[in-house]
N, C-alpha and C. Protein backbone atom coordinates (compact mmCIF):
# COMPACT_ATOMS: atom_id res chain seq x y z
N MET A 1 106.88 80.50 70.15
CA MET A 1 105.77 80.93 70.98
C MET A 1 105.59 82.44 70.76
N THR A 2 104.38 82.81 70.42
CA THR A 2 104.09 84.22 70.15
C THR A 2 103.66 84.92 71.43
N ILE A 3 103.53 86.23 71.33
CA ILE A 3 103.09 87.02 72.48
C ILE A 3 101.67 86.63 72.90
N TYR A 4 100.87 86.22 71.92
CA TYR A 4 99.49 85.82 72.23
C TYR A 4 99.45 84.49 72.98
N ASP A 5 100.35 83.60 72.62
CA ASP A 5 100.44 82.34 73.36
C ASP A 5 100.86 82.59 74.81
N MET A 6 101.80 83.51 74.99
CA MET A 6 102.22 83.84 76.35
C MET A 6 101.09 84.49 77.13
N LEU A 7 100.28 85.30 76.44
CA LEU A 7 99.13 85.93 77.10
C LEU A 7 98.12 84.88 77.53
N ILE A 8 97.90 83.89 76.67
CA ILE A 8 96.95 82.82 76.99
C ILE A 8 97.47 81.98 78.16
N TRP A 9 98.72 81.53 78.10
CA TRP A 9 99.25 80.67 79.15
C TRP A 9 99.46 81.42 80.46
N GLY A 10 99.85 82.68 80.37
CA GLY A 10 99.97 83.49 81.59
C GLY A 10 98.62 83.70 82.25
N GLY A 11 97.60 83.95 81.44
CA GLY A 11 96.25 84.10 81.97
C GLY A 11 95.74 82.80 82.58
N ALA A 12 96.07 81.69 81.95
CA ALA A 12 95.65 80.40 82.50
C ALA A 12 96.33 80.14 83.84
N ALA A 13 97.60 80.51 83.95
CA ALA A 13 98.31 80.33 85.22
C ALA A 13 97.72 81.24 86.30
N LEU A 14 97.39 82.48 85.94
CA LEU A 14 96.79 83.40 86.90
C LEU A 14 95.42 82.91 87.35
N THR A 15 94.66 82.36 86.42
CA THR A 15 93.35 81.80 86.77
C THR A 15 93.50 80.60 87.71
N ALA A 16 94.48 79.75 87.44
CA ALA A 16 94.71 78.60 88.31
C ALA A 16 95.14 79.04 89.70
N LEU A 17 95.94 80.09 89.78
CA LEU A 17 96.35 80.63 91.08
C LEU A 17 95.14 81.18 91.84
N GLY A 18 94.26 81.87 91.14
CA GLY A 18 93.04 82.37 91.77
C GLY A 18 92.14 81.24 92.23
N LEU A 19 92.04 80.20 91.44
CA LEU A 19 91.22 79.05 91.83
C LEU A 19 91.79 78.37 93.06
N ALA A 20 93.11 78.28 93.14
CA ALA A 20 93.75 77.70 94.33
C ALA A 20 93.44 78.54 95.57
N GLY A 21 93.42 79.85 95.40
CA GLY A 21 93.07 80.73 96.51
C GLY A 21 91.64 80.53 96.97
N ILE A 22 90.73 80.35 96.03
CA ILE A 22 89.33 80.11 96.38
C ILE A 22 89.18 78.78 97.11
N VAL A 23 89.89 77.76 96.66
CA VAL A 23 89.84 76.45 97.34
C VAL A 23 90.41 76.58 98.76
N TRP A 24 91.47 77.37 98.92
CA TRP A 24 92.03 77.60 100.26
C TRP A 24 91.00 78.27 101.17
N CYS A 25 90.26 79.23 100.62
CA CYS A 25 89.23 79.91 101.40
C CYS A 25 88.16 78.94 101.87
N ILE A 26 87.73 78.09 100.97
CA ILE A 26 86.70 77.11 101.32
C ILE A 26 87.22 76.17 102.41
N ALA A 27 88.45 75.70 102.27
CA ALA A 27 89.01 74.78 103.25
C ALA A 27 89.18 75.45 104.61
N THR A 28 89.60 76.70 104.61
CA THR A 28 89.80 77.41 105.87
C THR A 28 88.49 77.62 106.62
N VAL A 29 87.46 78.04 105.91
CA VAL A 29 86.16 78.27 106.55
C VAL A 29 85.56 76.95 107.03
N THR A 30 85.71 75.90 106.24
CA THR A 30 85.18 74.60 106.63
C THR A 30 85.86 74.09 107.90
N SER A 31 87.17 74.24 107.97
CA SER A 31 87.87 73.77 109.17
C SER A 31 87.52 74.62 110.39
N ALA A 32 87.29 75.91 110.20
CA ALA A 32 86.90 76.76 111.33
C ALA A 32 85.50 76.40 111.82
N ARG A 33 84.62 76.08 110.90
CA ARG A 33 83.26 75.70 111.32
C ARG A 33 83.25 74.35 112.03
N ARG A 34 84.07 73.43 111.56
CA ARG A 34 84.12 72.11 112.21
C ARG A 34 84.76 72.17 113.59
N ALA A 35 85.63 73.16 113.79
CA ALA A 35 86.31 73.28 115.09
C ALA A 35 85.41 73.93 116.13
N GLN A 36 84.21 74.35 115.74
CA GLN A 36 83.27 75.00 116.65
C GLN A 36 83.94 76.19 117.36
N ALA A 37 84.59 77.04 116.55
CA ALA A 37 85.30 78.19 117.11
C ALA A 37 84.31 79.18 117.72
N ASP A 38 84.78 79.93 118.72
CA ASP A 38 83.92 80.93 119.33
C ASP A 38 83.72 82.10 118.36
N ASP A 39 82.86 83.03 118.76
CA ASP A 39 82.44 84.09 117.85
C ASP A 39 83.60 85.00 117.45
N ALA A 40 84.45 85.35 118.37
CA ALA A 40 85.56 86.26 118.06
C ALA A 40 86.57 85.60 117.12
N THR A 41 86.86 84.34 117.36
CA THR A 41 87.80 83.62 116.50
C THR A 41 87.22 83.44 115.10
N MET A 42 85.95 83.11 115.04
CA MET A 42 85.29 82.94 113.74
C MET A 42 85.25 84.25 112.98
N ARG A 43 85.00 85.35 113.67
CA ARG A 43 84.95 86.67 113.03
C ARG A 43 86.33 87.04 112.47
N ALA A 44 87.39 86.79 113.22
CA ALA A 44 88.74 87.09 112.76
C ALA A 44 89.12 86.22 111.56
N THR A 45 88.73 84.95 111.61
CA THR A 45 89.00 84.05 110.49
C THR A 45 88.26 84.49 109.24
N MET A 46 87.02 84.85 109.40
CA MET A 46 86.22 85.28 108.25
C MET A 46 86.73 86.58 107.65
N GLN A 47 87.21 87.50 108.48
CA GLN A 47 87.75 88.75 107.94
C GLN A 47 88.97 88.48 107.09
N ARG A 48 89.84 87.58 107.55
CA ARG A 48 91.02 87.24 106.76
C ARG A 48 90.64 86.51 105.47
N VAL A 49 89.69 85.60 105.56
CA VAL A 49 89.30 84.81 104.41
C VAL A 49 88.61 85.68 103.36
N VAL A 50 87.82 86.66 103.79
CA VAL A 50 87.14 87.52 102.82
C VAL A 50 88.15 88.31 102.01
N ALA A 51 89.20 88.80 102.64
CA ALA A 51 90.23 89.55 101.91
C ALA A 51 90.94 88.66 100.89
N VAL A 52 91.29 87.46 101.30
CA VAL A 52 91.95 86.53 100.37
C VAL A 52 91.00 86.11 99.26
N ASN A 53 89.73 85.92 99.60
CA ASN A 53 88.74 85.51 98.61
C ASN A 53 88.57 86.58 97.53
N MET A 54 88.51 87.84 97.94
CA MET A 54 88.36 88.91 96.95
C MET A 54 89.58 89.00 96.04
N ALA A 55 90.77 88.82 96.61
CA ALA A 55 91.99 88.84 95.79
C ALA A 55 92.02 87.65 94.84
N ALA A 56 91.58 86.50 95.30
CA ALA A 56 91.56 85.31 94.45
C ALA A 56 90.55 85.46 93.32
N LEU A 57 89.40 86.03 93.63
CA LEU A 57 88.40 86.27 92.58
C LEU A 57 88.92 87.27 91.55
N ALA A 58 89.60 88.31 92.01
CA ALA A 58 90.17 89.30 91.09
C ALA A 58 91.23 88.66 90.20
N ALA A 59 92.07 87.81 90.78
CA ALA A 59 93.10 87.13 89.98
C ALA A 59 92.45 86.22 88.94
N SER A 60 91.42 85.52 89.33
CA SER A 60 90.74 84.63 88.37
C SER A 60 90.11 85.42 87.23
N VAL A 61 89.49 86.54 87.55
CA VAL A 61 88.85 87.37 86.52
C VAL A 61 89.89 87.94 85.57
N LEU A 62 90.98 88.47 86.12
CA LEU A 62 92.03 89.03 85.26
C LEU A 62 92.68 87.95 84.39
N GLY A 63 92.87 86.76 84.96
CA GLY A 63 93.42 85.67 84.18
C GLY A 63 92.51 85.24 83.04
N LEU A 64 91.22 85.13 83.33
CA LEU A 64 90.28 84.75 82.28
C LEU A 64 90.16 85.83 81.21
N MET A 65 90.25 87.10 81.63
CA MET A 65 90.21 88.19 80.65
C MET A 65 91.43 88.13 79.73
N SER A 66 92.59 87.83 80.28
CA SER A 66 93.76 87.76 79.42
C SER A 66 93.73 86.54 78.50
N VAL A 67 93.15 85.45 78.96
CA VAL A 67 92.99 84.29 78.07
C VAL A 67 92.06 84.64 76.91
N VAL A 68 90.95 85.27 77.20
CA VAL A 68 90.00 85.66 76.14
C VAL A 68 90.65 86.65 75.17
N MET A 69 91.38 87.62 75.71
CA MET A 69 92.06 88.59 74.84
C MET A 69 93.11 87.91 73.96
N GLY A 70 93.84 86.99 74.53
CA GLY A 70 94.85 86.26 73.74
C GLY A 70 94.20 85.44 72.64
N ILE A 71 93.08 84.83 72.91
CA ILE A 71 92.38 84.03 71.89
C ILE A 71 91.80 84.94 70.82
N MET A 72 91.22 86.06 71.23
CA MET A 72 90.62 86.97 70.25
C MET A 72 91.67 87.62 69.36
N LEU A 73 92.80 87.97 69.90
CA LEU A 73 93.84 88.64 69.12
C LEU A 73 94.67 87.68 68.30
N ARG A 74 94.63 86.45 68.62
CA ARG A 74 95.41 85.44 67.91
C ARG A 74 94.87 85.30 66.54
């Protein structure tokens, strides 16, 4: 296994981790909406979810960038 293969597989793992975070965000917001939470609870839930969502999107972008770099350098 070369360094480029590790870059590709590491990037794929990071992208999968980011995708799992995005799915968690969707599930959390959906369950909060179905529970008919009050405004303060919904606001607190959304603030937490937005932070996790941004981190998950960043992880997905960095993972995809490393996959592309590994493919291009290979």
